[in-house]
Amino acid sequence: MDGSLAFRSVLPGSYTIIAVEDAWEFPWMEPGALNRYLQHGQNLTIGELMNGTVLLPDPVEVQPR
């Protein structure tokens, strides 16, 4: 798998996209769990009826707590 994802019907707004490698056991639902990765993210603003592709750099490795 190459990590490609497709999102449809995304609400317009500002988002930060982060690619995290080998994060199957990651506690996604914990408040603040992604804070340490935000600096590696890519900011993206989605408009109405927008189509496009976003390519991210290499994924960030999960860091131990």
N, C-alpha and C. Protein backbone atom coordinates (compact mmCIF):
# COMPACT_ATOMS: atom_id res chain seq x y z
N MET A 1 0.84 -1.18 0.00
CA MET A 1 0.00 0.00 0.00
C MET A 1 0.89 1.24 0.00
N ASP A 2 0.52 2.22 -0.78
CA ASP A 2 1.35 3.42 -0.91
C ASP A 2 0.89 4.57 -0.01
N GLY A 3 -0.14 4.37 0.78
CA GLY A 3 -0.60 5.42 1.69
C GLY A 3 -1.58 6.39 1.07
N SER A 4 -2.02 6.14 -0.14
CA SER A 4 -2.97 7.04 -0.80
C SER A 4 -4.33 6.96 -0.12
N LEU A 5 -4.95 8.11 0.03
CA LEU A 5 -6.30 8.20 0.59
C LEU A 5 -7.13 9.14 -0.26
N ALA A 6 -8.42 8.90 -0.32
CA ALA A 6 -9.34 9.80 -1.02
C ALA A 6 -10.42 10.22 -0.04
N PHE A 7 -10.65 11.51 0.04
CA PHE A 7 -11.70 12.06 0.89
C PHE A 7 -12.72 12.73 0.01
N ARG A 8 -13.97 12.43 0.25
CA ARG A 8 -15.06 13.04 -0.51
C ARG A 8 -15.96 13.79 0.45
N SER A 9 -16.58 14.83 -0.03
CA SER A 9 -17.54 15.61 0.76
C SER A 9 -16.90 16.20 2.02
N VAL A 10 -15.71 16.77 1.88
CA VAL A 10 -15.04 17.43 2.99
C VAL A 10 -15.63 18.82 3.14
N LEU A 11 -15.99 19.19 4.36
CA LEU A 11 -16.54 20.51 4.60
C LEU A 11 -15.49 21.59 4.35
N PRO A 12 -15.85 22.70 3.73
CA PRO A 12 -14.90 23.79 3.53
C PRO A 12 -14.33 24.26 4.86
N GLY A 13 -13.05 24.60 4.87
CA GLY A 13 -12.40 25.07 6.08
C GLY A 13 -10.90 24.89 6.00
N SER A 14 -10.23 25.17 7.10
CA SER A 14 -8.77 25.04 7.19
C SER A 14 -8.42 23.76 7.94
N TYR A 15 -7.48 23.01 7.39
CA TYR A 15 -7.08 21.73 7.95
C TYR A 15 -5.56 21.64 7.98
N THR A 16 -5.04 20.76 8.82
CA THR A 16 -3.63 20.39 8.80
C THR A 16 -3.57 18.89 8.54
N ILE A 17 -2.84 18.51 7.50
CA ILE A 17 -2.72 17.10 7.12
C ILE A 17 -1.37 16.60 7.60
N ILE A 18 -1.38 15.43 8.26
CA ILE A 18 -0.16 14.85 8.78
C ILE A 18 -0.08 13.39 8.35
N ALA A 19 1.07 12.97 7.84
CA ALA A 19 1.30 11.57 7.50
C ALA A 19 2.17 10.98 8.61
N VAL A 20 1.64 9.98 9.31
CA VAL A 20 2.38 9.34 10.39
C VAL A 20 2.60 7.88 10.01
N GLU A 21 3.85 7.44 10.08
CA GLU A 21 4.21 6.08 9.68
C GLU A 21 4.04 5.09 10.84
N ASP A 22 3.50 3.92 10.54
CA ASP A 22 3.36 2.83 11.51
C ASP A 22 2.66 3.29 12.79
N ALA A 23 1.50 3.87 12.63
CA ALA A 23 0.77 4.41 13.78
C ALA A 23 -0.50 3.62 14.09
N TRP A 24 -0.47 2.32 13.85
CA TRP A 24 -1.66 1.50 14.04
C TRP A 24 -2.13 1.48 15.49
N GLU A 25 -1.22 1.54 16.43
CA GLU A 25 -1.58 1.50 17.85
C GLU A 25 -1.66 2.91 18.47
N PHE A 26 -1.63 3.91 17.64
CA PHE A 26 -1.60 5.30 18.12
C PHE A 26 -2.93 5.68 18.79
N PRO A 27 -2.90 6.39 19.91
CA PRO A 27 -4.12 6.78 20.62
C PRO A 27 -4.78 8.02 20.01
N TRP A 28 -5.33 7.90 18.80
CA TRP A 28 -5.88 9.04 18.04
C TRP A 28 -6.91 9.84 18.82
N MET A 29 -7.67 9.20 19.65
CA MET A 29 -8.78 9.87 20.32
C MET A 29 -8.36 10.64 21.57
N GLU A 30 -7.12 10.48 22.02
CA GLU A 30 -6.65 11.21 23.20
C GLU A 30 -6.45 12.68 22.85
N PRO A 31 -6.98 13.59 23.68
CA PRO A 31 -6.77 15.01 23.43
C PRO A 31 -5.27 15.34 23.39
N GLY A 32 -4.85 16.06 22.38
CA GLY A 32 -3.46 16.48 22.27
C GLY A 32 -2.51 15.43 21.73
N ALA A 33 -3.01 14.25 21.37
CA ALA A 33 -2.13 13.17 20.92
C ALA A 33 -1.32 13.54 19.68
N LEU A 34 -1.87 14.37 18.81
CA LEU A 34 -1.18 14.73 17.57
C LEU A 34 -0.38 16.02 17.67
N ASN A 35 -0.41 16.69 18.80
CA ASN A 35 0.25 17.99 18.94
C ASN A 35 1.72 17.96 18.53
N ARG A 36 2.46 16.93 18.91
CA ARG A 36 3.89 16.89 18.60
C ARG A 36 4.16 16.70 17.12
N TYR A 37 3.14 16.31 16.35
CA TYR A 37 3.31 16.07 14.92
C TYR A 37 2.86 17.25 14.05
N LEU A 38 2.15 18.21 14.64
CA LEU A 38 1.60 19.31 13.85
C LEU A 38 2.66 20.10 13.10
N GLN A 39 3.85 20.23 13.67
CA GLN A 39 4.91 20.98 13.00
C GLN A 39 5.34 20.33 11.69
N HIS A 40 5.03 19.05 11.52
CA HIS A 40 5.38 18.32 10.30
C HIS A 40 4.22 18.29 9.31
N GLY A 41 3.09 18.86 9.69
CA GLY A 41 1.90 18.81 8.85
C GLY A 41 1.92 19.86 7.75
N GLN A 42 0.98 19.71 6.85
CA GLN A 42 0.81 20.66 5.76
C GLN A 42 -0.55 21.31 5.92
N ASN A 43 -0.57 22.64 5.96
CA ASN A 43 -1.83 23.36 6.08
C ASN A 43 -2.53 23.37 4.74
N LEU A 44 -3.84 23.24 4.79
CA LEU A 44 -4.64 23.16 3.58
C LEU A 44 -5.98 23.84 3.83
N THR A 45 -6.39 24.69 2.90
CA THR A 45 -7.70 25.32 2.99
C THR A 45 -8.57 24.73 1.88
N ILE A 46 -9.70 24.19 2.27
CA ILE A 46 -10.64 23.57 1.34
C ILE A 46 -11.78 24.55 1.06
N GLY A 47 -12.04 24.78 -0.22
CA GLY A 47 -13.14 25.64 -0.63
C GLY A 47 -14.30 24.80 -1.15
N GLU A 48 -15.41 25.44 -1.42
CA GLU A 48 -16.59 24.76 -1.96
C GLU A 48 -16.29 24.20 -3.34
N LEU A 49 -16.76 23.00 -3.61
CA LEU A 49 -16.62 22.33 -4.91
C LEU A 49 -15.18 22.24 -5.40
N MET A 50 -14.26 22.10 -4.47
CA MET A 50 -12.83 22.06 -4.80
C MET A 50 -12.40 20.61 -5.05
N ASN A 51 -11.58 20.42 -6.06
CA ASN A 51 -10.98 19.12 -6.36
C ASN A 51 -9.48 19.31 -6.44
N GLY A 52 -8.73 18.31 -6.05
CA GLY A 52 -7.28 18.42 -6.16
C GLY A 52 -6.58 17.29 -5.47
N THR A 53 -5.26 17.32 -5.57
CA THR A 53 -4.40 16.31 -4.97
C THR A 53 -3.39 17.01 -4.08
N VAL A 54 -3.12 16.43 -2.93
CA VAL A 54 -2.10 16.95 -2.02
C VAL A 54 -1.08 15.85 -1.82
N LEU A 55 0.17 16.15 -2.05
CA LEU A 55 1.25 15.20 -1.82
C LEU A 55 2.01 15.65 -0.60
N LEU A 56 2.19 14.73 0.34
CA LEU A 56 2.93 15.04 1.56
C LEU A 56 4.35 14.50 1.46
N PRO A 57 5.28 15.14 2.18
CA PRO A 57 6.64 14.60 2.21
C PRO A 57 6.64 13.26 2.95
N ASP A 58 7.79 12.72 3.17
CA ASP A 58 7.90 11.44 3.88
C ASP A 58 7.13 11.48 5.20
N PRO A 59 6.52 10.36 5.57
CA PRO A 59 5.78 10.32 6.83
C PRO A 59 6.68 10.48 8.04
N VAL A 60 6.09 10.97 9.12
CA VAL A 60 6.80 11.15 10.38
C VAL A 60 6.67 9.86 11.17
N GLU A 61 7.76 9.39 11.77
CA GLU A 61 7.70 8.18 12.59
C GLU A 61 7.00 8.50 13.91
N VAL A 62 6.25 7.53 14.42
CA VAL A 62 5.62 7.69 15.72
C VAL A 62 6.71 7.80 16.77
N GLN A 63 6.58 8.80 17.62
CA GLN A 63 7.58 9.03 18.65
C GLN A 63 7.07 8.48 19.99
N PRO A 64 7.93 7.81 20.73
CA PRO A 64 7.50 7.32 22.04
C PRO A 64 7.15 8.48 22.94
N ARG A 65 6.29 8.23 23.87
CA ARG A 65 5.85 9.29 24.80
C ARG A 65 6.95 9.79 25.65
